[in-house]
Amino acid sequence: MKRTPDPAAGEWLHQAIMGALKGRGIKLEEWCKDRGISSTTVRTYTYGLNAGPRSKKTLDKLIDDAGRDVVLSLYSYRLLQQAEEFNRWAA
């Protein structure tokens, strides 16, 4: 099975993950508590402030648990919105 590329860490990825978690009825704090990691630490991963091997593994697990398809869909939508805004600005 072909794997889609990982989205770039940052505000848009963070928002996409939070929206996908909310849609599944999962609170970030509970997800973190179940894994013995602080939500502050996980936020550094979603925003790309820490990009080491452990953070990448945790972020990948978070995206999977949130629903990879939903996260990527929300993230892609945001990118397309930004591209449209840029095109209007550049015209």
N, C-alpha and C. Protein backbone atom coordinates (compact mmCIF):
# COMPACT_ATOMS: atom_id res chain seq x y z
N MET A 1 0.84 -1.18 0.00
CA MET A 1 0.00 0.00 0.00
C MET A 1 0.88 1.24 0.00
N LYS A 2 0.58 2.17 -0.88
CA LYS A 2 1.35 3.40 -1.00
C LYS A 2 0.99 4.35 0.13
N ARG A 3 1.99 4.86 0.80
CA ARG A 3 1.78 5.78 1.92
C ARG A 3 1.83 7.21 1.41
N THR A 4 0.88 8.02 1.89
CA THR A 4 0.87 9.43 1.51
C THR A 4 1.99 10.16 2.23
N PRO A 5 2.48 11.24 1.65
CA PRO A 5 3.53 12.00 2.33
C PRO A 5 3.01 12.62 3.61
N ASP A 6 3.90 12.78 4.56
CA ASP A 6 3.52 13.40 5.83
C ASP A 6 3.34 14.90 5.63
N PRO A 7 2.31 15.46 6.24
CA PRO A 7 2.13 16.91 6.16
C PRO A 7 3.21 17.63 6.97
N ALA A 8 3.48 18.86 6.59
CA ALA A 8 4.47 19.65 7.32
C ALA A 8 3.90 20.05 8.67
N ALA A 9 4.73 19.95 9.69
CA ALA A 9 4.31 20.35 11.03
C ALA A 9 4.06 21.85 11.05
N GLY A 10 3.16 22.27 11.90
CA GLY A 10 2.85 23.69 12.03
C GLY A 10 1.41 23.87 12.47
N GLU A 11 0.97 25.11 12.43
CA GLU A 11 -0.37 25.45 12.92
C GLU A 11 -1.46 24.68 12.17
N TRP A 12 -1.32 24.56 10.85
CA TRP A 12 -2.36 23.88 10.08
C TRP A 12 -2.45 22.41 10.43
N LEU A 13 -1.31 21.76 10.61
CA LEU A 13 -1.33 20.35 11.01
C LEU A 13 -1.93 20.21 12.41
N HIS A 14 -1.53 21.09 13.31
CA HIS A 14 -2.07 21.03 14.67
C HIS A 14 -3.60 21.16 14.64
N GLN A 15 -4.10 22.13 13.90
CA GLN A 15 -5.54 22.34 13.82
C GLN A 15 -6.23 21.13 13.18
N ALA A 16 -5.63 20.55 12.16
CA ALA A 16 -6.22 19.37 11.51
C ALA A 16 -6.29 18.20 12.48
N ILE A 17 -5.24 17.99 13.25
CA ILE A 17 -5.23 16.90 14.23
C ILE A 17 -6.27 17.15 15.31
N MET A 18 -6.34 18.37 15.82
CA MET A 18 -7.32 18.68 16.87
C MET A 18 -8.74 18.48 16.35
N GLY A 19 -9.01 18.90 15.13
CA GLY A 19 -10.34 18.72 14.55
C GLY A 19 -10.69 17.25 14.38
N ALA A 20 -9.72 16.46 13.92
CA ALA A 20 -9.95 15.03 13.72
C ALA A 20 -10.16 14.32 15.06
N LEU A 21 -9.37 14.69 16.06
CA LEU A 21 -9.55 14.10 17.40
C LEU A 21 -10.93 14.44 17.94
N LYS A 22 -11.31 15.69 17.81
CA LYS A 22 -12.62 16.13 18.31
C LYS A 22 -13.74 15.35 17.61
N GLY A 23 -13.58 15.15 16.32
CA GLY A 23 -14.58 14.39 15.57
C GLY A 23 -14.72 12.95 16.05
N ARG A 24 -13.66 12.42 16.62
CA ARG A 24 -13.69 11.07 17.17
C ARG A 24 -14.01 11.05 18.66
N GLY A 25 -14.23 12.23 19.24
CA GLY A 25 -14.54 12.30 20.66
C GLY A 25 -13.34 12.07 21.56
N ILE A 26 -12.16 12.36 21.06
CA ILE A 26 -10.92 12.16 21.82
C ILE A 26 -10.38 13.52 22.22
N LYS A 27 -10.03 13.66 23.48
CA LYS A 27 -9.38 14.89 23.95
C LYS A 27 -7.87 14.66 23.96
N LEU A 28 -7.14 15.66 23.49
CA LEU A 28 -5.68 15.54 23.42
C LEU A 28 -5.10 15.20 24.78
N GLU A 29 -5.59 15.85 25.82
CA GLU A 29 -5.06 15.62 27.16
C GLU A 29 -5.23 14.16 27.58
N GLU A 30 -6.37 13.56 27.23
CA GLU A 30 -6.59 12.15 27.57
C GLU A 30 -5.69 11.24 26.75
N TRP A 31 -5.54 11.55 25.47
CA TRP A 31 -4.67 10.77 24.61
C TRP A 31 -3.25 10.78 25.17
N CYS A 32 -2.80 11.96 25.56
CA CYS A 32 -1.45 12.11 26.12
C CYS A 32 -1.31 11.35 27.44
N LYS A 33 -2.30 11.50 28.31
CA LYS A 33 -2.24 10.84 29.62
C LYS A 33 -2.14 9.33 29.47
N ASP A 34 -2.89 8.78 28.52
CA ASP A 34 -2.86 7.33 28.27
C ASP A 34 -1.49 6.86 27.80
N ARG A 35 -0.70 7.76 27.26
CA ARG A 35 0.62 7.40 26.73
C ARG A 35 1.77 7.92 27.59
N GLY A 36 1.43 8.57 28.70
CA GLY A 36 2.46 9.06 29.62
C GLY A 36 3.30 10.19 29.06
N ILE A 37 2.67 11.07 28.31
CA ILE A 37 3.38 12.20 27.72
C ILE A 37 2.53 13.45 27.94
N SER A 38 3.17 14.58 28.11
CA SER A 38 2.39 15.80 28.37
C SER A 38 1.84 16.38 27.06
N SER A 39 0.70 17.03 27.16
CA SER A 39 0.10 17.64 25.98
C SER A 39 0.98 18.79 25.47
N THR A 40 1.70 19.44 26.36
CA THR A 40 2.62 20.51 25.94
C THR A 40 3.72 19.94 25.06
N THR A 41 4.23 18.80 25.42
CA THR A 41 5.26 18.15 24.63
C THR A 41 4.72 17.75 23.26
N VAL A 42 3.52 17.19 23.24
CA VAL A 42 2.92 16.78 21.97
C VAL A 42 2.70 18.00 21.08
N ARG A 43 2.32 19.12 21.66
CA ARG A 43 2.14 20.33 20.86
C ARG A 43 3.46 20.77 20.21
N THR A 44 4.58 20.56 20.90
CA THR A 44 5.87 20.90 20.27
C THR A 44 6.11 20.00 19.06
N TYR A 45 5.55 18.79 19.08
CA TYR A 45 5.68 17.89 17.94
C TYR A 45 4.78 18.34 16.79
N THR A 46 3.53 18.68 17.09
CA THR A 46 2.60 19.06 16.02
C THR A 46 3.02 20.37 15.36
N TYR A 47 3.62 21.25 16.13
CA TYR A 47 4.08 22.52 15.59
C TYR A 47 5.49 22.44 14.99
N GLY A 48 6.13 21.29 15.11
CA GLY A 48 7.45 21.10 14.52
C GLY A 48 8.59 21.69 15.30
N LEU A 49 8.37 21.97 16.58
CA LEU A 49 9.43 22.54 17.41
C LEU A 49 10.41 21.48 17.89
N ASN A 50 10.03 20.24 17.77
CA ASN A 50 10.89 19.11 18.10
C ASN A 50 10.68 18.08 17.01
N ALA A 51 11.72 17.74 16.28
CA ALA A 51 11.58 16.84 15.14
C ALA A 51 12.50 15.62 15.23
N GLY A 52 12.80 15.21 16.45
CA GLY A 52 13.63 14.03 16.64
C GLY A 52 12.87 12.74 16.35
N PRO A 53 13.55 11.60 16.42
CA PRO A 53 12.92 10.33 16.11
C PRO A 53 11.71 10.01 17.00
N ARG A 54 11.82 10.29 18.30
CA ARG A 54 10.70 10.01 19.20
C ARG A 54 9.51 10.90 18.86
N SER A 55 9.78 12.16 18.59
CA SER A 55 8.67 13.07 18.27
C SER A 55 7.99 12.66 16.97
N LYS A 56 8.75 12.24 15.97
CA LYS A 56 8.17 11.81 14.71
C LYS A 56 7.31 10.56 14.90
N LYS A 57 7.80 9.64 15.72
CA LYS A 57 7.05 8.41 15.99
C LYS A 57 5.74 8.73 16.73
N THR A 58 5.82 9.60 17.73
CA THR A 58 4.63 9.99 18.49
C THR A 58 3.65 10.74 17.62
N LEU A 59 4.14 11.66 16.80
CA LEU A 59 3.27 12.42 15.90
C LEU A 59 2.58 11.49 14.91
N ASP A 60 3.30 10.53 14.39
CA ASP A 60 2.72 9.57 13.45
C ASP A 60 1.60 8.77 14.12
N LYS A 61 1.83 8.35 15.37
CA LYS A 61 0.82 7.61 16.12
C LYS A 61 -0.40 8.50 16.39
N LEU A 62 -0.17 9.76 16.73
CA LEU A 62 -1.26 10.69 16.98
C LEU A 62 -2.10 10.88 15.72
N ILE A 63 -1.45 11.05 14.59
CA ILE A 63 -2.18 11.21 13.33
C ILE A 63 -2.99 9.96 13.02
N ASP A 64 -2.40 8.79 13.23
CA ASP A 64 -3.15 7.54 13.01
C ASP A 64 -4.36 7.44 13.94
N ASP A 65 -4.17 7.76 15.21
CA ASP A 65 -5.26 7.66 16.18
C ASP A 65 -6.35 8.70 15.92
N ALA A 66 -5.96 9.85 15.39
CA ALA A 66 -6.94 10.89 15.07
C ALA A 66 -7.71 10.52 13.80
N GLY A 67 -7.11 9.69 12.98
CA GLY A 67 -7.69 9.31 11.70
C GLY A 67 -6.90 9.96 10.58
N ARG A 68 -5.91 9.24 10.07
CA ARG A 68 -5.00 9.81 9.08
C ARG A 68 -5.74 10.43 7.90
N ASP A 69 -6.74 9.74 7.38
CA ASP A 69 -7.49 10.26 6.23
C ASP A 69 -8.15 11.59 6.55
N VAL A 70 -8.72 11.69 7.74
CA VAL A 70 -9.39 12.94 8.13
C VAL A 70 -8.36 14.05 8.33
N VAL A 71 -7.27 13.75 9.01
CA VAL A 71 -6.23 14.76 9.23
C VAL A 71 -5.71 15.28 7.89
N LEU A 72 -5.41 14.37 6.98
CA LEU A 72 -4.88 14.79 5.68
C LEU A 72 -5.91 15.57 4.87
N SER A 73 -7.16 15.19 5.00
CA SER A 73 -8.22 15.91 4.30
C SER A 73 -8.35 17.34 4.83
N LEU A 74 -8.37 17.49 6.15
CA LEU A 74 -8.47 18.82 6.76
C LEU A 74 -7.25 19.67 6.42
N TYR A 75 -6.09 19.05 6.47
CA TYR A 75 -4.84 19.74 6.17
C TYR A 75 -4.83 20.18 4.70
N SER A 76 -5.21 19.29 3.80
CA SER A 76 -5.24 19.61 2.36
C SER A 76 -6.21 20.74 2.07
N TYR A 77 -7.36 20.70 2.72
CA TYR A 77 -8.37 21.75 2.54
C TYR A 77 -7.78 23.11 2.90
N ARG A 78 -7.06 23.15 4.01
CA ARG A 78 -6.45 24.41 4.46
C ARG A 78 -5.40 24.90 3.46
N LEU A 79 -4.61 23.97 2.92
CA LEU A 79 -3.62 24.34 1.92
C LEU A 79 -4.28 24.91 0.67
N LEU A 80 -5.36 24.28 0.23
CA LEU A 80 -6.07 24.75 -0.95
C LEU A 80 -6.69 26.13 -0.71
N GLN A 81 -7.24 26.34 0.48
CA GLN A 81 -7.76 27.67 0.82
C GLN A 81 -6.67 28.73 0.72
N GLN A 82 -5.51 28.41 1.25
CA GLN A 82 -4.39 29.36 1.24
C GLN A 82 -3.93 29.62 -0.19
N ALA A 83 -3.89 28.59 -1.02
CA ALA A 83 -3.48 28.75 -2.41
C ALA A 83 -4.46 29.65 -3.16
N GLU A 84 -5.76 29.47 -2.92
CA GLU A 84 -6.76 30.32 -3.56
C GLU A 84 -6.61 31.78 -3.12
N GLU A 85 -6.37 31.97 -1.82
CA GLU A 85 -6.18 33.33 -1.31
C GLU A 85 -4.94 33.97 -1.94
N PHE A 86 -3.89 33.19 -2.05
CA PHE A 86 -2.66 33.71 -2.67
C PHE A 86 -2.90 34.08 -4.12
N ASN A 87 -3.61 33.23 -4.85
CA ASN A 87 -3.90 33.51 -6.26
C ASN A 87 -4.73 34.78 -6.43
N ARG A 88 -5.68 35.01 -5.53
CA ARG A 88 -6.47 36.25 -5.58
C ARG A 88 -5.57 37.46 -5.30
N TRP A 89 -4.67 37.29 -4.35
CA TRP A 89 -3.76 38.38 -3.99
C TRP A 89 -2.78 38.67 -5.13
N ALA A 90 -2.30 37.62 -5.79
CA ALA A 90 -1.29 37.78 -6.83
C ALA A 90 -1.87 38.28 -8.15
N ALA A 91 -3.18 38.15 -8.31
CA ALA A 91 -3.80 38.55 -9.60
C ALA A 91 -3.88 40.04 -9.76
